[in-house]
């Protein structure tokens, strides 16, 4: 299994509607691309103040490395990136094997 973790910092002027659309798209991508076991997301609630202004996280689980490799160039993933790009200030992508 592969975990695909995104830490997201949105632009200050990103609308709540655009952010909501983005996360709805993340939630629905599991049904569009085979090999994705789960998708969850949330906003930072840490009291430690060490999030470096990253406000959201997406946590995806893939059945294996091949599934992640299939996802990366997939047209649905490209569409998701195109929607996210205009409201994105910064992102960290971190993958690890279980």
C-alpha atoms as a PDB file:
ATOM      1  CA  UNK A   1       0.000   0.000   0.000  1.00  0.00           C
ATOM      2  CA  UNK A   2       1.134   3.545  -0.771  1.00  0.00           C
ATOM      3  CA  UNK A   3       0.077   6.655   1.113  1.00  0.00           C
ATOM      4  CA  UNK A   4      -0.090   9.887  -0.894  1.00  0.00           C
ATOM      5  CA  UNK A   5      -0.239  12.918   1.396  1.00  0.00           C
ATOM      6  CA  UNK A   6      -0.762  16.520   0.305  1.00  0.00           C
ATOM      7  CA  UNK A   7      -0.306  19.548   2.532  1.00  0.00           C
ATOM      8  CA  UNK A   8      -2.030  22.524   0.929  1.00  0.00           C
ATOM      9  CA  UNK A   9      -1.775  26.279   1.378  1.00  0.00           C
ATOM     10  CA  UNK A  10      -4.437  28.179  -0.543  1.00  0.00           C
ATOM     11  CA  UNK A  11      -4.078  31.705  -1.845  1.00  0.00           C
ATOM     12  CA  UNK A  12      -5.491  34.300   0.544  1.00  0.00           C
ATOM     13  CA  UNK A  13      -8.204  35.247  -1.948  1.00  0.00           C
ATOM     14  CA  UNK A  14      -9.329  31.663  -2.666  1.00  0.00           C
ATOM     15  CA  UNK A  15     -13.086  31.524  -2.182  1.00  0.00           C
ATOM     16  CA  UNK A  16     -14.748  29.053   0.152  1.00  0.00           C
ATOM     17  CA  UNK A  17     -16.725  27.793  -2.855  1.00  0.00           C
ATOM     18  CA  UNK A  18     -13.564  27.072  -4.891  1.00  0.00           C
ATOM     19  CA  UNK A  19     -11.976  25.271  -1.939  1.00  0.00           C
ATOM     20  CA  UNK A  20     -15.141  23.242  -1.374  1.00  0.00           C
ATOM     21  CA  UNK A  21     -15.259  22.285  -5.064  1.00  0.00           C
ATOM     22  CA  UNK A  22     -11.649  21.170  -4.856  1.00  0.00           C
ATOM     23  CA  UNK A  23     -12.316  18.834  -1.940  1.00  0.00           C
ATOM     24  CA  UNK A  24     -15.510  17.490  -3.490  1.00  0.00           C
ATOM     25  CA  UNK A  25     -13.373  16.602  -6.523  1.00  0.00           C
ATOM     26  CA  UNK A  26     -10.830  14.858  -4.290  1.00  0.00           C
ATOM     27  CA  UNK A  27     -13.606  12.835  -2.653  1.00  0.00           C
ATOM     28  CA  UNK A  28     -15.113  11.763  -5.970  1.00  0.00           C
ATOM     29  CA  UNK A  29     -11.842  10.796  -7.652  1.00  0.00           C
ATOM     30  CA  UNK A  30     -11.812   7.463  -5.791  1.00  0.00           C
ATOM     31  CA  UNK A  31     -14.788   6.363  -7.882  1.00  0.00           C
ATOM     32  CA  UNK A  32     -13.149   7.470 -11.127  1.00  0.00           C
ATOM     33  CA  UNK A  33      -9.687   5.906 -10.906  1.00  0.00           C
ATOM     34  CA  UNK A  34      -9.056   2.294  -9.981  1.00  0.00           C
ATOM     35  CA  UNK A  35      -6.525   1.482  -7.296  1.00  0.00           C
ATOM     36  CA  UNK A  36      -7.457   4.256  -4.865  1.00  0.00           C
ATOM     37  CA  UNK A  37      -8.587   2.659  -1.617  1.00  0.00           C
ATOM     38  CA  UNK A  38      -9.480   5.801   0.297  1.00  0.00           C
ATOM     39  CA  UNK A  39      -9.421   9.578   0.230  1.00  0.00           C
ATOM     40  CA  UNK A  40      -9.862  11.814   3.215  1.00  0.00           C
ATOM     41  CA  UNK A  41      -9.123  15.447   3.871  1.00  0.00           C
ATOM     42  CA  UNK A  42      -9.313  17.972   6.639  1.00  0.00           C
ATOM     43  CA  UNK A  43      -8.276  21.362   7.877  1.00  0.00           C
ATOM     44  CA  UNK A  44      -5.482  21.974  10.330  1.00  0.00           C
ATOM     45  CA  UNK A  45      -6.664  22.027  13.946  1.00  0.00           C
ATOM     46  CA  UNK A  46      -3.264  21.757  15.613  1.00  0.00           C
ATOM     47  CA  UNK A  47      -2.640  24.070  18.556  1.00  0.00           C
ATOM     48  CA  UNK A  48       1.142  23.795  18.109  1.00  0.00           C
ATOM     49  CA  UNK A  49       1.363  26.444  15.388  1.00  0.00           C
ATOM     50  CA  UNK A  50       3.922  24.530  13.333  1.00  0.00           C
ATOM     51  CA  UNK A  51       1.898  24.088  10.129  1.00  0.00           C
ATOM     52  CA  UNK A  52       3.820  26.870   8.326  1.00  0.00           C
ATOM     53  CA  UNK A  53       0.533  28.317   7.035  1.00  0.00           C
ATOM     54  CA  UNK A  54      -0.532  25.058   5.361  1.00  0.00           C
ATOM     55  CA  UNK A  55      -4.233  24.851   6.151  1.00  0.00           C
ATOM     56  CA  UNK A  56      -5.478  21.618   4.550  1.00  0.00           C
ATOM     57  CA  UNK A  57      -4.343  18.039   4.139  1.00  0.00           C
ATOM     58  CA  UNK A  58      -5.417  15.317   1.722  1.00  0.00           C
ATOM     59  CA  UNK A  59      -4.599  11.722   2.661  1.00  0.00           C
ATOM     60  CA  UNK A  60      -4.961   9.106  -0.072  1.00  0.00           C
ATOM     61  CA  UNK A  61      -4.297   5.372   0.081  1.00  0.00           C
ATOM     62  CA  UNK A  62      -3.398   3.417  -3.066  1.00  0.00           C
ATOM     63  CA  UNK A  63      -3.391  -0.371  -3.295  1.00  0.00           C
ATOM     64  CA  UNK A  64       0.196  -0.363  -4.554  1.00  0.00           C
ATOM     65  CA  UNK A  65       2.850   1.675  -6.340  1.00  0.00           C
ATOM     66  CA  UNK A  66       1.406   0.742  -9.742  1.00  0.00           C
ATOM     67  CA  UNK A  67      -1.940   2.303  -8.743  1.00  0.00           C
ATOM     68  CA  UNK A  68      -0.207   5.550  -7.779  1.00  0.00           C
ATOM     69  CA  UNK A  69       1.732   5.495 -11.058  1.00  0.00           C
ATOM     70  CA  UNK A  70      -1.588   5.041 -12.889  1.00  0.00           C
ATOM     71  CA  UNK A  71      -3.135   7.961 -10.981  1.00  0.00           C
ATOM     72  CA  UNK A  72      -0.399  10.543 -11.592  1.00  0.00           C
ATOM     73  CA  UNK A  73      -0.891  10.997 -15.378  1.00  0.00           C
ATOM     74  CA  UNK A  74      -4.603  10.113 -15.344  1.00  0.00           C
ATOM     75  CA  UNK A  75      -6.895  12.707 -17.033  1.00  0.00           C
ATOM     76  CA  UNK A  76      -9.077  12.925 -13.897  1.00  0.00           C
ATOM     77  CA  UNK A  77      -5.991  13.787 -11.833  1.00  0.00           C
ATOM     78  CA  UNK A  78      -4.962  16.367 -14.428  1.00  0.00           C
ATOM     79  CA  UNK A  79      -8.454  17.913 -14.210  1.00  0.00           C
ATOM     80  CA  UNK A  80      -8.175  18.043 -10.423  1.00  0.00           C
ATOM     81  CA  UNK A  81      -4.785  19.767 -10.653  1.00  0.00           C
ATOM     82  CA  UNK A  82      -6.181  22.260 -13.166  1.00  0.00           C
ATOM     83  CA  UNK A  83      -8.981  23.184 -10.765  1.00  0.00           C
ATOM     84  CA  UNK A  84      -6.611  23.388  -7.786  1.00  0.00           C
ATOM     85  CA  UNK A  85      -3.835  25.342  -9.523  1.00  0.00           C
ATOM     86  CA  UNK A  86      -5.456  28.795  -9.699  1.00  0.00           C
ATOM     87  CA  UNK A  87      -6.255  28.831  -5.955  1.00  0.00           C
ATOM     88  CA  UNK A  88      -3.069  27.137  -4.758  1.00  0.00           C
ATOM     89  CA  UNK A  89      -0.284  29.082  -3.087  1.00  0.00           C
ATOM     90  CA  UNK A  90       1.893  26.108  -2.122  1.00  0.00           C
ATOM     91  CA  UNK A  91       1.751  22.342  -1.784  1.00  0.00           C
ATOM     92  CA  UNK A  92       3.847  19.567  -0.286  1.00  0.00           C
ATOM     93  CA  UNK A  93       3.433  16.085  -1.751  1.00  0.00           C
ATOM     94  CA  UNK A  94       4.731  13.176   0.325  1.00  0.00           C
ATOM     95  CA  UNK A  95       4.416   9.499  -0.625  1.00  0.00           C
ATOM     96  CA  UNK A  96       5.419   6.519   1.492  1.00  0.00           C
ATOM     97  CA  UNK A  97       5.043   2.768   1.348  1.00  0.00           C
ATOM     98  CA  UNK A  98       3.389   0.751   4.078  1.00  0.00           C
END
